[in-house]
Amino acid sequence: MRIMVVDDEEIIVALLLEHLGEMGFNDVTTATSGEEAMEIIAAQAHPFDCFLLDIKMEGMDGIQLCSKIREMPQYRIAPIIMITSAAAKLHMNEAFEAGATDYMPKPIEQIDLRVRIQVAMLLVETVKSDAESRLALKTLLTSAPETRGFDPSMRITYSDVPNMRDYFQLENRLLRLNEGTYALTLLSVEIEGVDALDGRLDQGEFLEVIEAVAHIIGKTLPASGATMSYVGYGKFICLVVVRNHIVPNLLQARVRDAFRAYLAGHRILAPGDLELKVSALSQKRMLSSDIAISLIRRFVGNLGGNTDTLLPPIASVQDRIFRNSRPSKAKSE
């Protein structure tokens, strides 16, 4: 795994290099500023697998750097771990908004670093597996374009769609929120009529529809504070962390107009074959992270007939790793 460490404190960089080396990670590149990091990233022939970024740095800070990294398609879903002092921990919500997947407090403890890296490794393997599956699928479609039918349970993430993340990253955003309640809007966007498409679309055509809907949702949701994931069976989950409540009916009207325009130009599907439906997973405007995660998992767990094909294994692994580190909260909604 290729790791990049960015911190303006040389002693922290040296400590991380020592700990990572003891864990067997020797392919580590370092930078002492956000500007230097961007230059190094731009010069890479092969992308990094994981980033460790200090939040507080002179010039471009870690949050700004995280945001810039996330703008690059090859790093849309790469693990980004923020290194934070007690004072900088107040800025973690901003970091998660920028795309951070986890954080690690100072002073750095080797066991804490090991846990974070283990979770990052699982995510890297998940991403690589997904990329290999997409490549294999593309090869299959190219070599056998006459193959019909599609797998409705397939989960996929498009790196060029703003705010689209792997399902694990959407959950992780909630897992890393501080104690308390937040102004959250949880929505599902369903492509109605998918069940009737079997035999009419091949895998490639089905994925074209999913990608089109992903772009429509991405352009319709707020530019900041929104995260969405495709969870299979023609369904998306949208998480919006903003004070202004998102009205499902208004969002539905906007995405339907755009989707109908897309269908009007489609060579196989006709207007009316498919429709978009937007639903709220909760009517409450203030939710704790635990309740939000419970609602999302309940929704995903009800899809199809096999939950294991939908929920990424890394989510349950992370829960076991961090179970004792998270304070207990009320379980009732």
C-alpha atoms as a PDB file:
ATOM      1  CA  MET A   1       0.000   0.000   0.000  1.00  0.00           C
ATOM      2  CA  ARG A   2       1.388   3.389  -1.038  1.00  0.00           C
ATOM      3  CA  ILE A   3       0.953   5.947   1.741  1.00  0.00           C
ATOM      4  CA  MET A   4       1.461   9.718   1.762  1.00  0.00           C
ATOM      5  CA  VAL A   5       2.091  11.554   5.039  1.00  0.00           C
ATOM      6  CA  VAL A   6       1.687  15.347   5.171  1.00  0.00           C
ATOM      7  CA  ASP A   7       2.618  17.192   8.383  1.00  0.00           C
ATOM      8  CA  ASP A   8       4.621  20.357   9.011  1.00  0.00           C
ATOM      9  CA  GLU A   9       6.129  18.932  12.219  1.00  0.00           C
ATOM     10  CA  GLU A  10       9.224  16.914  11.338  1.00  0.00           C
ATOM     11  CA  ILE A  11       9.094  14.989  14.606  1.00  0.00           C
ATOM     12  CA  ILE A  12       5.570  13.766  13.775  1.00  0.00           C
ATOM     13  CA  VAL A  13       6.656  12.756  10.281  1.00  0.00           C
ATOM     14  CA  ALA A  14       9.632  10.846  11.697  1.00  0.00           C
ATOM     15  CA  LEU A  15       7.433   9.106  14.268  1.00  0.00           C
ATOM     16  CA  LEU A  16       4.903   8.068  11.642  1.00  0.00           C
ATOM     17  CA  LEU A  17       7.645   6.750   9.366  1.00  0.00           C
ATOM     18  CA  GLU A  18       9.043   4.696  12.242  1.00  0.00           C
ATOM     19  CA  HIS A  19       5.663   3.243  13.219  1.00  0.00           C
ATOM     20  CA  LEU A  20       4.642   2.533   9.629  1.00  0.00           C
ATOM     21  CA  GLY A  21       7.993   0.873   8.953  1.00  0.00           C
ATOM     22  CA  GLU A  22       7.532  -1.406  11.962  1.00  0.00           C
ATOM     23  CA  MET A  23       4.135  -2.363  10.547  1.00  0.00           C
ATOM     24  CA  GLY A  24       5.736  -3.302   7.222  1.00  0.00           C
ATOM     25  CA  PHE A  25       4.780  -0.203   5.235  1.00  0.00           C
ATOM     26  CA  ASN A  26       7.920   1.123   3.572  1.00  0.00           C
ATOM     27  CA  ASP A  27       6.432   2.767   0.478  1.00  0.00           C
ATOM     28  CA  VAL A  28       5.738   6.052   2.267  1.00  0.00           C
ATOM     29  CA  THR A  29       6.105   9.523   0.730  1.00  0.00           C
ATOM     30  CA  THR A  30       6.220  12.611   2.947  1.00  0.00           C
ATOM     31  CA  ALA A  31       5.548  16.326   2.549  1.00  0.00           C
ATOM     32  CA  THR A  32       5.734  19.185   5.043  1.00  0.00           C
ATOM     33  CA  SER A  33       3.066  21.427   3.490  1.00  0.00           C
ATOM     34  CA  GLY A  34      -0.121  21.181   1.489  1.00  0.00           C
ATOM     35  CA  GLU A  35       1.484  22.950  -1.444  1.00  0.00           C
ATOM     36  CA  GLU A  36       4.400  20.493  -1.535  1.00  0.00           C
ATOM     37  CA  ALA A  37       1.976  17.585  -1.254  1.00  0.00           C
ATOM     38  CA  MET A  38       0.000  18.775  -4.285  1.00  0.00           C
ATOM     39  CA  GLU A  39       3.180  19.005  -6.358  1.00  0.00           C
ATOM     40  CA  ILE A  40       4.195  15.478  -5.364  1.00  0.00           C
ATOM     41  CA  ILE A  41       0.721  14.080  -6.064  1.00  0.00           C
ATOM     42  CA  ALA A  42       0.659  15.688  -9.516  1.00  0.00           C
ATOM     43  CA  ALA A  43       4.007  14.096 -10.396  1.00  0.00           C
ATOM     44  CA  GLN A  44       2.975  10.523  -9.534  1.00  0.00           C
ATOM     45  CA  ALA A  45       2.736   7.935 -12.298  1.00  0.00           C
ATOM     46  CA  HIS A  46       0.827   5.638  -9.945  1.00  0.00           C
ATOM     47  CA  PRO A  47      -1.672   6.988  -7.391  1.00  0.00           C
ATOM     48  CA  PHE A  48      -1.294   6.735  -3.624  1.00  0.00           C
ATOM     49  CA  ASP A  49      -3.542   4.300  -1.781  1.00  0.00           C
ATOM     50  CA  CYS A  50      -3.905   6.193   1.511  1.00  0.00           C
ATOM     51  CA  PHE A  51      -3.257   9.670   2.957  1.00  0.00           C
ATOM     52  CA  LEU A  52      -2.409  10.840   6.483  1.00  0.00           C
ATOM     53  CA  LEU A  53      -2.905  14.616   6.695  1.00  0.00           C
ATOM     54  CA  ASP A  54      -2.288  17.011   9.563  1.00  0.00           C
ATOM     55  CA  ILE A  55      -5.258  19.342   9.986  1.00  0.00           C
ATOM     56  CA  LYS A  56      -3.388  22.453  11.162  1.00  0.00           C
ATOM     57  CA  MET A  57      -0.598  23.544   8.813  1.00  0.00           C
ATOM     58  CA  GLU A  58       0.704  26.895   7.631  1.00  0.00           C
ATOM     59  CA  GLY A  59      -0.582  27.949   4.218  1.00  0.00           C
ATOM     60  CA  MET A  60      -2.839  25.256   2.797  1.00  0.00           C
ATOM     61  CA  ASP A  61      -4.157  23.363   5.806  1.00  0.00           C
ATOM     62  CA  GLY A  62      -5.130  19.696   5.923  1.00  0.00           C
ATOM     63  CA  ILE A  63      -8.821  20.336   5.306  1.00  0.00           C
ATOM     64  CA  GLN A  64      -8.112  22.354   2.166  1.00  0.00           C
ATOM     65  CA  LEU A  65      -5.652  19.703   1.006  1.00  0.00           C
ATOM     66  CA  CYS A  66      -8.199  16.954   1.665  1.00  0.00           C
ATOM     67  CA  SER A  67     -10.771  18.793  -0.444  1.00  0.00           C
ATOM     68  CA  LYS A  68      -8.318  19.231  -3.333  1.00  0.00           C
ATOM     69  CA  ILE A  69      -7.361  15.545  -3.204  1.00  0.00           C
ATOM     70  CA  ARG A  70     -11.024  14.559  -3.327  1.00  0.00           C
ATOM     71  CA  GLU A  71     -11.492  16.640  -6.483  1.00  0.00           C
ATOM     72  CA  MET A  72      -9.142  14.265  -8.320  1.00  0.00           C
ATOM     73  CA  PRO A  73     -11.060  11.322  -9.869  1.00  0.00           C
ATOM     74  CA  GLN A  74      -8.386   8.778  -8.900  1.00  0.00           C
ATOM     75  CA  TYR A  75      -8.701   9.774  -5.227  1.00  0.00           C
ATOM     76  CA  ARG A  76     -12.479  10.150  -5.005  1.00  0.00           C
ATOM     77  CA  ILE A  77     -12.777   7.202  -2.600  1.00  0.00           C
ATOM     78  CA  ALA A  78      -9.211   6.809  -1.283  1.00  0.00           C
ATOM     79  CA  PRO A  79      -8.824   6.613   2.540  1.00  0.00           C
ATOM     80  CA  ILE A  80      -7.852  10.003   4.024  1.00  0.00           C
ATOM     81  CA  ILE A  81      -6.957   9.966   7.727  1.00  0.00           C
ATOM     82  CA  MET A  82      -6.696  13.330   9.461  1.00  0.00           C
ATOM     83  CA  ILE A  83      -4.060  13.820  12.173  1.00  0.00           C
ATOM     84  CA  THR A  84      -5.436  16.188  14.783  1.00  0.00           C
ATOM     85  CA  SER A  85      -4.499  17.797  18.073  1.00  0.00           C
ATOM     86  CA  ALA A  86      -7.061  18.287  20.839  1.00  0.00           C
ATOM     87  CA  ALA A  87      -7.594  21.897  19.737  1.00  0.00           C
ATOM     88  CA  ALA A  88      -7.934  21.015  16.052  1.00  0.00           C
ATOM     89  CA  LYS A  89     -10.467  18.274  16.810  1.00  0.00           C
ATOM     90  CA  LEU A  90     -13.133  20.987  16.755  1.00  0.00           C
ATOM     91  CA  HIS A  91     -12.568  21.201  13.002  1.00  0.00           C
ATOM     92  CA  MET A  92     -13.217  17.506  12.306  1.00  0.00           C
ATOM     93  CA  ASN A  93     -16.738  18.087  11.031  1.00  0.00           C
ATOM     94  CA  GLU A  94     -15.234  20.407   8.418  1.00  0.00           C
ATOM     95  CA  ALA A  95     -12.719  17.693   7.567  1.00  0.00           C
ATOM     96  CA  PHE A  96     -15.454  15.117   7.045  1.00  0.00           C
ATOM     97  CA  GLU A  97     -17.315  17.617   4.883  1.00  0.00           C
ATOM     98  CA  ALA A  98     -14.134  17.873   2.794  1.00  0.00           C
ATOM     99  CA  GLY A  99     -14.025  14.094   2.370  1.00  0.00           C
ATOM    100  CA  ALA A 100     -11.954  12.714   5.266  1.00  0.00           C
ATOM    101  CA  THR A 101     -12.725   9.093   6.162  1.00  0.00           C
ATOM    102  CA  ASP A 102     -11.184   8.914   9.654  1.00  0.00           C
ATOM    103  CA  TYR A 103      -9.051  10.811  12.153  1.00  0.00           C
ATOM    104  CA  MET A 104      -6.215  10.046  14.539  1.00  0.00           C
ATOM    105  CA  PRO A 105      -5.472  12.192  17.622  1.00  0.00           C
ATOM    106  CA  LYS A 106      -2.077  13.448  18.746  1.00  0.00           C
ATOM    107  CA  PRO A 107       0.053  12.282  20.480  1.00  0.00           C
ATOM    108  CA  ILE A 108       0.239   9.388  18.047  1.00  0.00           C
ATOM    109  CA  GLU A 109       0.048   5.915  19.557  1.00  0.00           C
ATOM    110  CA  GLN A 110       1.233   2.964  17.490  1.00  0.00           C
ATOM    111  CA  ILE A 111      -1.790   0.814  18.364  1.00  0.00           C
ATOM    112  CA  ASP A 112      -4.130   3.621  17.287  1.00  0.00           C
ATOM    113  CA  LEU A 113      -2.222   4.034  14.031  1.00  0.00           C
ATOM    114  CA  ARG A 114      -2.362   0.282  13.435  1.00  0.00           C
ATOM    115  CA  VAL A 115      -6.152   0.220  13.832  1.00  0.00           C
ATOM    116  CA  ARG A 116      -6.635   3.162  11.466  1.00  0.00           C
ATOM    117  CA  ILE A 117      -4.315   1.665   8.864  1.00  0.00           C
ATOM    118  CA  GLN A 118      -6.058  -1.713   9.113  1.00  0.00           C
ATOM    119  CA  VAL A 119      -9.389  -0.053   8.366  1.00  0.00           C
ATOM    120  CA  ALA A 120      -7.763   1.886   5.504  1.00  0.00           C
ATOM    121  CA  MET A 121      -6.311  -1.352   4.102  1.00  0.00           C
ATOM    122  CA  LEU A 122      -9.753  -2.936   4.097  1.00  0.00           C
ATOM    123  CA  LEU A 123     -11.144   0.039   2.206  1.00  0.00           C
ATOM    124  CA  VAL A 124      -8.256  -0.045  -0.288  1.00  0.00           C
ATOM    125  CA  GLU A 125      -8.890  -3.742  -0.930  1.00  0.00           C
ATOM    126  CA  THR A 126     -12.609  -3.050  -1.342  1.00  0.00           C
ATOM    127  CA  VAL A 127     -11.874  -0.283  -3.855  1.00  0.00           C
ATOM    128  CA  LYS A 128      -9.391  -2.448  -5.784  1.00  0.00           C
ATOM    129  CA  SER A 129     -11.847  -5.336  -5.852  1.00  0.00           C
ATOM    130  CA  ASP A 130     -14.559  -3.024  -7.154  1.00  0.00           C
ATOM    131  CA  ALA A 131     -12.214  -1.649  -9.828  1.00  0.00           C
ATOM    132  CA  GLU A 132     -11.251  -5.174 -10.905  1.00  0.00           C
ATOM    133  CA  SER A 133     -14.916  -6.164 -11.072  1.00  0.00           C
ATOM    134  CA  ARG A 134     -15.712  -3.132 -13.231  1.00  0.00           C
ATOM    135  CA  LEU A 135     -12.777  -3.909 -15.540  1.00  0.00           C
ATOM    136  CA  ALA A 136     -13.846  -7.545 -15.813  1.00  0.00           C
ATOM    137  CA  LEU A 137     -17.401  -6.435 -16.565  1.00  0.00           C
ATOM    138  CA  LYS A 138     -16.209  -4.000 -19.230  1.00  0.00           C
ATOM    139  CA  THR A 139     -14.092  -6.735 -20.827  1.00  0.00           C
ATOM    140  CA  LEU A 140     -17.034  -9.126 -20.789  1.00  0.00           C
ATOM    141  CA  LEU A 141     -19.344  -6.591 -22.388  1.00  0.00           C
ATOM    142  CA  THR A 142     -16.758  -5.785 -25.054  1.00  0.00           C
ATOM    143  CA  SER A 143     -16.097  -9.423 -25.910  1.00  0.00           C
ATOM    144  CA  ALA A 144     -19.736 -10.526 -25.687  1.00  0.00           C
ATOM    145  CA  PRO A 145     -21.964  -7.518 -26.382  1.00  0.00           C
ATOM    146  CA  GLU A 146     -24.915  -9.760 -27.137  1.00  0.00           C
ATOM    147  CA  THR A 147     -25.105 -10.885 -23.493  1.00  0.00           C
ATOM    148  CA  ARG A 148     -28.410  -9.745 -22.021  1.00  0.00           C
ATOM    149  CA  GLY A 149     -29.712  -9.340 -18.479  1.00  0.00           C
ATOM    150  CA  PHE A 150     -28.202  -7.502 -15.528  1.00  0.00           C
ATOM    151  CA  ASP A 151     -27.409  -8.048 -11.870  1.00  0.00           C
ATOM    152  CA  PRO A 152     -29.678  -5.669  -9.909  1.00  0.00           C
ATOM    153  CA  SER A 153     -27.715  -6.112  -6.658  1.00  0.00           C
ATOM    154  CA  MET A 154     -24.515  -4.626  -8.106  1.00  0.00           C
ATOM    155  CA  ARG A 155     -23.204  -1.633  -6.128  1.00  0.00           C
ATOM    156  CA  ILE A 156     -21.069   0.867  -7.996  1.00  0.00           C
ATOM    157  CA  THR A 157     -19.492   4.285  -7.430  1.00  0.00           C
ATOM    158  CA  TYR A 158     -18.753   6.788 -10.199  1.00  0.00           C
ATOM    159  CA  SER A 159     -15.704   8.874  -9.369  1.00  0.00           C
ATOM    160  CA  ASP A 160     -16.728  11.745 -11.660  1.00  0.00           C
ATOM    161  CA  VAL A 161     -20.081  12.300  -9.920  1.00  0.00           C
ATOM    162  CA  PRO A 162     -19.845  15.069  -7.292  1.00  0.00           C
ATOM    163  CA  ASN A 163     -20.536  13.906  -3.725  1.00  0.00           C
ATOM    164  CA  MET A 164     -20.898  10.236  -4.734  1.00  0.00           C
ATOM    165  CA  ARG A 165     -19.151   7.903  -2.310  1.00  0.00           C
ATOM    166  CA  ASP A 166     -18.895   4.209  -1.609  1.00  0.00           C
ATOM    167  CA  TYR A 167     -21.550   3.020   0.868  1.00  0.00           C
ATOM    168  CA  PHE A 168     -18.849   2.428   3.492  1.00  0.00           C
ATOM    169  CA  GLN A 169     -17.734   6.039   3.243  1.00  0.00           C
ATOM    170  CA  LEU A 170     -21.277   7.299   3.707  1.00  0.00           C
ATOM    171  CA  GLU A 171     -21.614   5.203   6.876  1.00  0.00           C
ATOM    172  CA  ASN A 172     -18.175   6.270   8.046  1.00  0.00           C
ATOM    173  CA  ARG A 173     -19.130   9.923   7.737  1.00  0.00           C
ATOM    174  CA  LEU A 174     -21.894   9.297  10.264  1.00  0.00           C
ATOM    175  CA  LEU A 175     -19.751   7.084  12.499  1.00  0.00           C
ATOM    176  CA  ARG A 176     -17.192   9.853  12.915  1.00  0.00           C
ATOM    177  CA  LEU A 177     -19.665  12.592  13.905  1.00  0.00           C
ATOM    178  CA  ASN A 178     -19.341  13.858  17.459  1.00  0.00           C
ATOM    179  CA  GLU A 179     -21.918  13.110  20.155  1.00  0.00           C
ATOM    180  CA  GLY A 180     -25.221  14.935  19.691  1.00  0.00           C
ATOM    181  CA  THR A 181     -27.975  15.512  17.173  1.00  0.00           C
ATOM    182  CA  TYR A 182     -27.603  17.081  13.748  1.00  0.00           C
ATOM    183  CA  ALA A 183     -29.780  18.662  11.100  1.00  0.00           C
ATOM    184  CA  LEU A 184     -29.796  15.638   8.805  1.00  0.00           C
ATOM    185  CA  THR A 185     -31.935  14.805   5.817  1.00  0.00           C
ATOM    186  CA  LEU A 186     -31.947  11.114   4.845  1.00  0.00           C
ATOM    187  CA  LEU A 187     -33.489  10.315   1.474  1.00  0.00           C
ATOM    188  CA  SER A 188     -33.799   7.395  -0.885  1.00  0.00           C
ATOM    189  CA  VAL A 189     -34.038   7.818  -4.646  1.00  0.00           C
ATOM    190  CA  GLU A 190     -35.533   4.802  -6.388  1.00  0.00           C
ATOM    191  CA  ILE A 191     -35.634   4.029 -10.095  1.00  0.00           C
ATOM    192  CA  GLU A 192     -39.136   2.600 -10.335  1.00  0.00           C
ATOM    193  CA  GLY A 193     -39.599  -0.042 -13.028  1.00  0.00           C
ATOM    194  CA  VAL A 194     -36.137  -1.628 -12.764  1.00  0.00           C
ATOM    195  CA  ASP A 195     -37.655  -5.035 -11.964  1.00  0.00           C
ATOM    196  CA  ALA A 196     -39.392  -5.080 -15.334  1.00  0.00           C
ATOM    197  CA  LEU A 197     -36.219  -4.378 -17.327  1.00  0.00           C
ATOM    198  CA  ASP A 198     -34.711  -7.879 -17.229  1.00  0.00           C
ATOM    199  CA  GLY A 199     -34.064  -8.985 -20.793  1.00  0.00           C
ATOM    200  CA  ARG A 200     -34.422  -5.495 -22.261  1.00  0.00           C
ATOM    201  CA  LEU A 201     -31.115  -4.042 -21.101  1.00  0.00           C
ATOM    202  CA  ASP A 202     -27.681  -5.605 -20.973  1.00  0.00           C
ATOM    203  CA  GLN A 203     -25.225  -4.823 -18.179  1.00  0.00           C
ATOM    204  CA  GLY A 204     -23.675  -1.898 -20.002  1.00  0.00           C
ATOM    205  CA  GLU A 205     -27.008  -0.279 -20.801  1.00  0.00           C
ATOM    206  CA  PHE A 206     -28.226  -0.788 -17.240  1.00  0.00           C
ATOM    207  CA  LEU A 207     -25.094   0.871 -15.866  1.00  0.00           C
ATOM    208  CA  GLU A 208     -25.595   3.776 -18.272  1.00  0.00           C
ATOM    209  CA  VAL A 209     -28.992   4.394 -16.680  1.00  0.00           C
ATOM    210  CA  ILE A 210     -27.531   4.182 -13.165  1.00  0.00           C
ATOM    211  CA  GLU A 211     -24.753   6.616 -14.096  1.00  0.00           C
ATOM    212  CA  ALA A 212     -27.230   9.035 -15.653  1.00  0.00           C
ATOM    213  CA  VAL A 213     -29.367   9.024 -12.505  1.00  0.00           C
ATOM    214  CA  ALA A 214     -26.255   9.463 -10.336  1.00  0.00           C
ATOM    215  CA  HIS A 215     -25.290  12.576 -12.308  1.00  0.00           C
ATOM    216  CA  ILE A 216     -28.837  13.938 -12.069  1.00  0.00           C
ATOM    217  CA  ILE A 217     -28.923  13.471  -8.290  1.00  0.00           C
ATOM    218  CA  GLY A 218     -25.414  14.906  -7.905  1.00  0.00           C
ATOM    219  CA  LYS A 219     -26.384  18.065  -9.772  1.00  0.00           C
ATOM    220  CA  THR A 220     -29.662  18.445  -7.871  1.00  0.00           C
ATOM    221  CA  LEU A 221     -28.441  17.981  -4.287  1.00  0.00           C
ATOM    222  CA  PRO A 222     -26.773  20.907  -2.457  1.00  0.00           C
ATOM    223  CA  ALA A 223     -23.175  21.496  -3.554  1.00  0.00           C
ATOM    224  CA  SER A 224     -21.923  21.108   0.032  1.00  0.00           C
ATOM    225  CA  GLY A 225     -23.055  18.870   2.867  1.00  0.00           C
ATOM    226  CA  ALA A 226     -24.415  16.110   0.619  1.00  0.00           C
ATOM    227  CA  THR A 227     -23.242  12.524   0.181  1.00  0.00           C
ATOM    228  CA  MET A 228     -24.902   9.815  -1.872  1.00  0.00           C
ATOM    229  CA  SER A 229     -24.306   6.122  -2.536  1.00  0.00           C
ATOM    230  CA  TYR A 230     -25.784   3.605  -4.935  1.00  0.00           C
ATOM    231  CA  VAL A 231     -26.783   0.498  -2.959  1.00  0.00           C
ATOM    232  CA  GLY A 232     -28.124  -1.722  -5.723  1.00  0.00           C
ATOM    233  CA  TYR A 233     -31.582  -2.589  -7.041  1.00  0.00           C
ATOM    234  CA  GLY A 234     -31.951   0.828  -8.645  1.00  0.00           C
ATOM    235  CA  LYS A 235     -31.794   2.637  -5.311  1.00  0.00           C
ATOM    236  CA  PHE A 236     -29.635   5.468  -3.988  1.00  0.00           C
ATOM    237  CA  ILE A 237     -29.201   6.737  -0.424  1.00  0.00           C
ATOM    238  CA  CYS A 238     -28.675  10.476   0.057  1.00  0.00           C
ATOM    239  CA  LEU A 239     -27.334  12.056   3.244  1.00  0.00           C
ATOM    240  CA  VAL A 240     -27.568  15.842   3.477  1.00  0.00           C
ATOM    241  CA  VAL A 241     -26.123  17.656   6.494  1.00  0.00           C
ATOM    242  CA  VAL A 242     -27.530  21.177   6.192  1.00  0.00           C
ATOM    243  CA  ARG A 243     -29.770  23.354   8.335  1.00  0.00           C
ATOM    244  CA  ASN A 244     -32.275  23.906   5.539  1.00  0.00           C
ATOM    245  CA  HIS A 245     -34.515  20.843   5.310  1.00  0.00           C
ATOM    246  CA  ILE A 246     -34.681  19.148   1.900  1.00  0.00           C
ATOM    247  CA  VAL A 247     -38.313  18.632   0.853  1.00  0.00           C
ATOM    248  CA  PRO A 248     -38.608  15.216  -0.865  1.00  0.00           C
ATOM    249  CA  ASN A 249     -41.457  16.248  -3.185  1.00  0.00           C
ATOM    250  CA  LEU A 250     -39.542  19.256  -4.495  1.00  0.00           C
ATOM    251  CA  LEU A 251     -36.392  17.197  -5.031  1.00  0.00           C
ATOM    252  CA  GLN A 252     -38.475  14.514  -6.751  1.00  0.00           C
ATOM    253  CA  ALA A 253     -39.978  17.029  -9.171  1.00  0.00           C
ATOM    254  CA  ARG A 254     -36.526  18.295 -10.152  1.00  0.00           C
ATOM    255  CA  VAL A 255     -34.887  14.896 -10.657  1.00  0.00           C
ATOM    256  CA  ARG A 256     -37.936  13.581 -12.520  1.00  0.00           C
ATOM    257  CA  ASP A 257     -37.810  16.431 -15.031  1.00  0.00           C
ATOM    258  CA  ALA A 258     -34.126  15.787 -15.708  1.00  0.00           C
ATOM    259  CA  PHE A 259     -34.607  12.002 -15.905  1.00  0.00           C
ATOM    260  CA  ARG A 260     -37.535  12.287 -18.314  1.00  0.00           C
ATOM    261  CA  ALA A 261     -35.387  14.463 -20.564  1.00  0.00           C
ATOM    262  CA  TYR A 262     -32.708  11.749 -20.457  1.00  0.00           C
ATOM    263  CA  LEU A 263     -35.223   9.005 -21.316  1.00  0.00           C
ATOM    264  CA  ALA A 264     -36.567  11.055 -24.218  1.00  0.00           C
ATOM    265  CA  GLY A 265     -33.212  10.707 -25.926  1.00  0.00           C
ATOM    266  CA  HIS A 266     -32.615   7.060 -24.982  1.00  0.00           C
ATOM    267  CA  ARG A 267     -32.443   4.585 -27.853  1.00  0.00           C
ATOM    268  CA  ILE A 268     -34.094   1.665 -26.005  1.00  0.00           C
ATOM    269  CA  LEU A 269     -36.159   3.014 -23.134  1.00  0.00           C
ATOM    270  CA  ALA A 270     -39.217   5.157 -23.674  1.00  0.00           C
ATOM    271  CA  PRO A 271     -40.698   7.843 -21.412  1.00  0.00           C
ATOM    272  CA  GLY A 272     -42.784   6.057 -18.825  1.00  0.00           C
ATOM    273  CA  ASP A 273     -40.678   2.884 -18.740  1.00  0.00           C
ATOM    274  CA  LEU A 274     -38.854   4.176 -15.679  1.00  0.00           C
ATOM    275  CA  GLU A 275     -39.583   6.865 -13.108  1.00  0.00           C
ATOM    276  CA  LEU A 276     -37.729   8.334 -10.135  1.00  0.00           C
ATOM    277  CA  LYS A 277     -39.250   8.293  -6.675  1.00  0.00           C
ATOM    278  CA  VAL A 278     -37.794  10.274  -3.756  1.00  0.00           C
ATOM    279  CA  SER A 279     -38.694   9.234  -0.197  1.00  0.00           C
ATOM    280  CA  ALA A 280     -37.612  10.380   3.263  1.00  0.00           C
ATOM    281  CA  LEU A 281     -36.112   7.697   5.514  1.00  0.00           C
ATOM    282  CA  SER A 282     -37.193   9.768   8.518  1.00  0.00           C
ATOM    283  CA  GLN A 283     -39.577  12.670   9.044  1.00  0.00           C
ATOM    284  CA  LYS A 284     -37.419  14.028  11.860  1.00  0.00           C
ATOM    285  CA  ARG A 285     -35.197  17.008  11.089  1.00  0.00           C
ATOM    286  CA  MET A 286     -32.756  16.397  13.948  1.00  0.00           C
ATOM    287  CA  LEU A 287     -31.090  12.983  14.250  1.00  0.00           C
ATOM    288  CA  SER A 288     -28.170  11.431  16.104  1.00  0.00           C
ATOM    289  CA  SER A 289     -25.586   9.550  14.053  1.00  0.00           C
ATOM    290  CA  ASP A 290     -26.610   6.213  15.611  1.00  0.00           C
ATOM    291  CA  ILE A 291     -30.255   6.631  14.628  1.00  0.00           C
ATOM    292  CA  ALA A 292     -29.268   7.777  11.128  1.00  0.00           C
ATOM    293  CA  ILE A 293     -27.044   4.714  10.666  1.00  0.00           C
ATOM    294  CA  SER A 294     -29.826   2.455  11.951  1.00  0.00           C
ATOM    295  CA  LEU A 295     -32.289   3.921   9.449  1.00  0.00           C
ATOM    296  CA  ILE A 296     -29.850   3.538   6.564  1.00  0.00           C
ATOM    297  CA  ARG A 297     -28.943  -0.042   7.464  1.00  0.00           C
ATOM    298  CA  ARG A 298     -32.610  -0.960   7.792  1.00  0.00           C
ATOM    299  CA  PHE A 299     -33.262   0.429   4.322  1.00  0.00           C
ATOM    300  CA  VAL A 300     -30.280  -1.358   2.771  1.00  0.00           C
ATOM    301  CA  GLY A 301     -31.048  -4.575   4.644  1.00  0.00           C
ATOM    302  CA  ASN A 302     -34.513  -4.711   3.083  1.00  0.00           C
ATOM    303  CA  LEU A 303     -33.148  -4.704  -0.470  1.00  0.00           C
ATOM    304  CA  GLY A 304     -33.156  -7.972  -2.370  1.00  0.00           C
ATOM    305  CA  GLY A 305     -32.862 -11.272  -0.580  1.00  0.00           C
ATOM    306  CA  ASN A 306     -29.223 -11.368   0.480  1.00  0.00           C
ATOM    307  CA  THR A 307     -27.958  -8.611   2.767  1.00  0.00           C
ATOM    308  CA  ASP A 308     -24.383  -9.874   2.564  1.00  0.00           C
ATOM    309  CA  THR A 309     -24.133  -8.889  -1.105  1.00  0.00           C
ATOM    310  CA  LEU A 310     -25.171  -5.336  -0.309  1.00  0.00           C
ATOM    311  CA  LEU A 311     -23.486  -4.324   2.927  1.00  0.00           C
ATOM    312  CA  PRO A 312     -19.702  -4.005   2.509  1.00  0.00           C
ATOM    313  CA  PRO A 313     -17.830  -6.292   4.930  1.00  0.00           C
ATOM    314  CA  ILE A 314     -15.571  -3.415   5.962  1.00  0.00           C
ATOM    315  CA  ALA A 315     -18.450  -1.669   7.742  1.00  0.00           C
ATOM    316  CA  SER A 316     -18.976  -4.494  10.225  1.00  0.00           C
ATOM    317  CA  VAL A 317     -15.229  -4.876  10.695  1.00  0.00           C
ATOM    318  CA  GLN A 318     -14.903  -1.199  11.549  1.00  0.00           C
ATOM    319  CA  ASP A 319     -17.797  -1.462  13.984  1.00  0.00           C
ATOM    320  CA  ARG A 320     -15.977  -4.226  15.845  1.00  0.00           C
ATOM    321  CA  ILE A 321     -12.719  -2.279  15.880  1.00  0.00           C
ATOM    322  CA  PHE A 322     -14.225   0.969  17.161  1.00  0.00           C
ATOM    323  CA  ARG A 323     -17.066  -0.414  19.269  1.00  0.00           C
ATOM    324  CA  ASN A 324     -15.293   0.211  22.566  1.00  0.00           C
ATOM    325  CA  SER A 325     -13.996   3.619  21.558  1.00  0.00           C
ATOM    326  CA  ARG A 326     -17.411   5.162  20.875  1.00  0.00           C
ATOM    327  CA  PRO A 327     -19.509   6.411  23.810  1.00  0.00           C
ATOM    328  CA  SER A 328     -22.823   4.673  24.360  1.00  0.00           C
ATOM    329  CA  LYS A 329     -25.920   6.515  23.211  1.00  0.00           C
ATOM    330  CA  ALA A 330     -29.658   6.129  23.453  1.00  0.00           C
ATOM    331  CA  LYS A 331     -31.034   3.485  21.118  1.00  0.00           C
ATOM    332  CA  SER A 332     -34.576   4.673  20.814  1.00  0.00           C
ATOM    333  CA  GLU A 333     -35.718   6.840  17.925  1.00  0.00           C
END
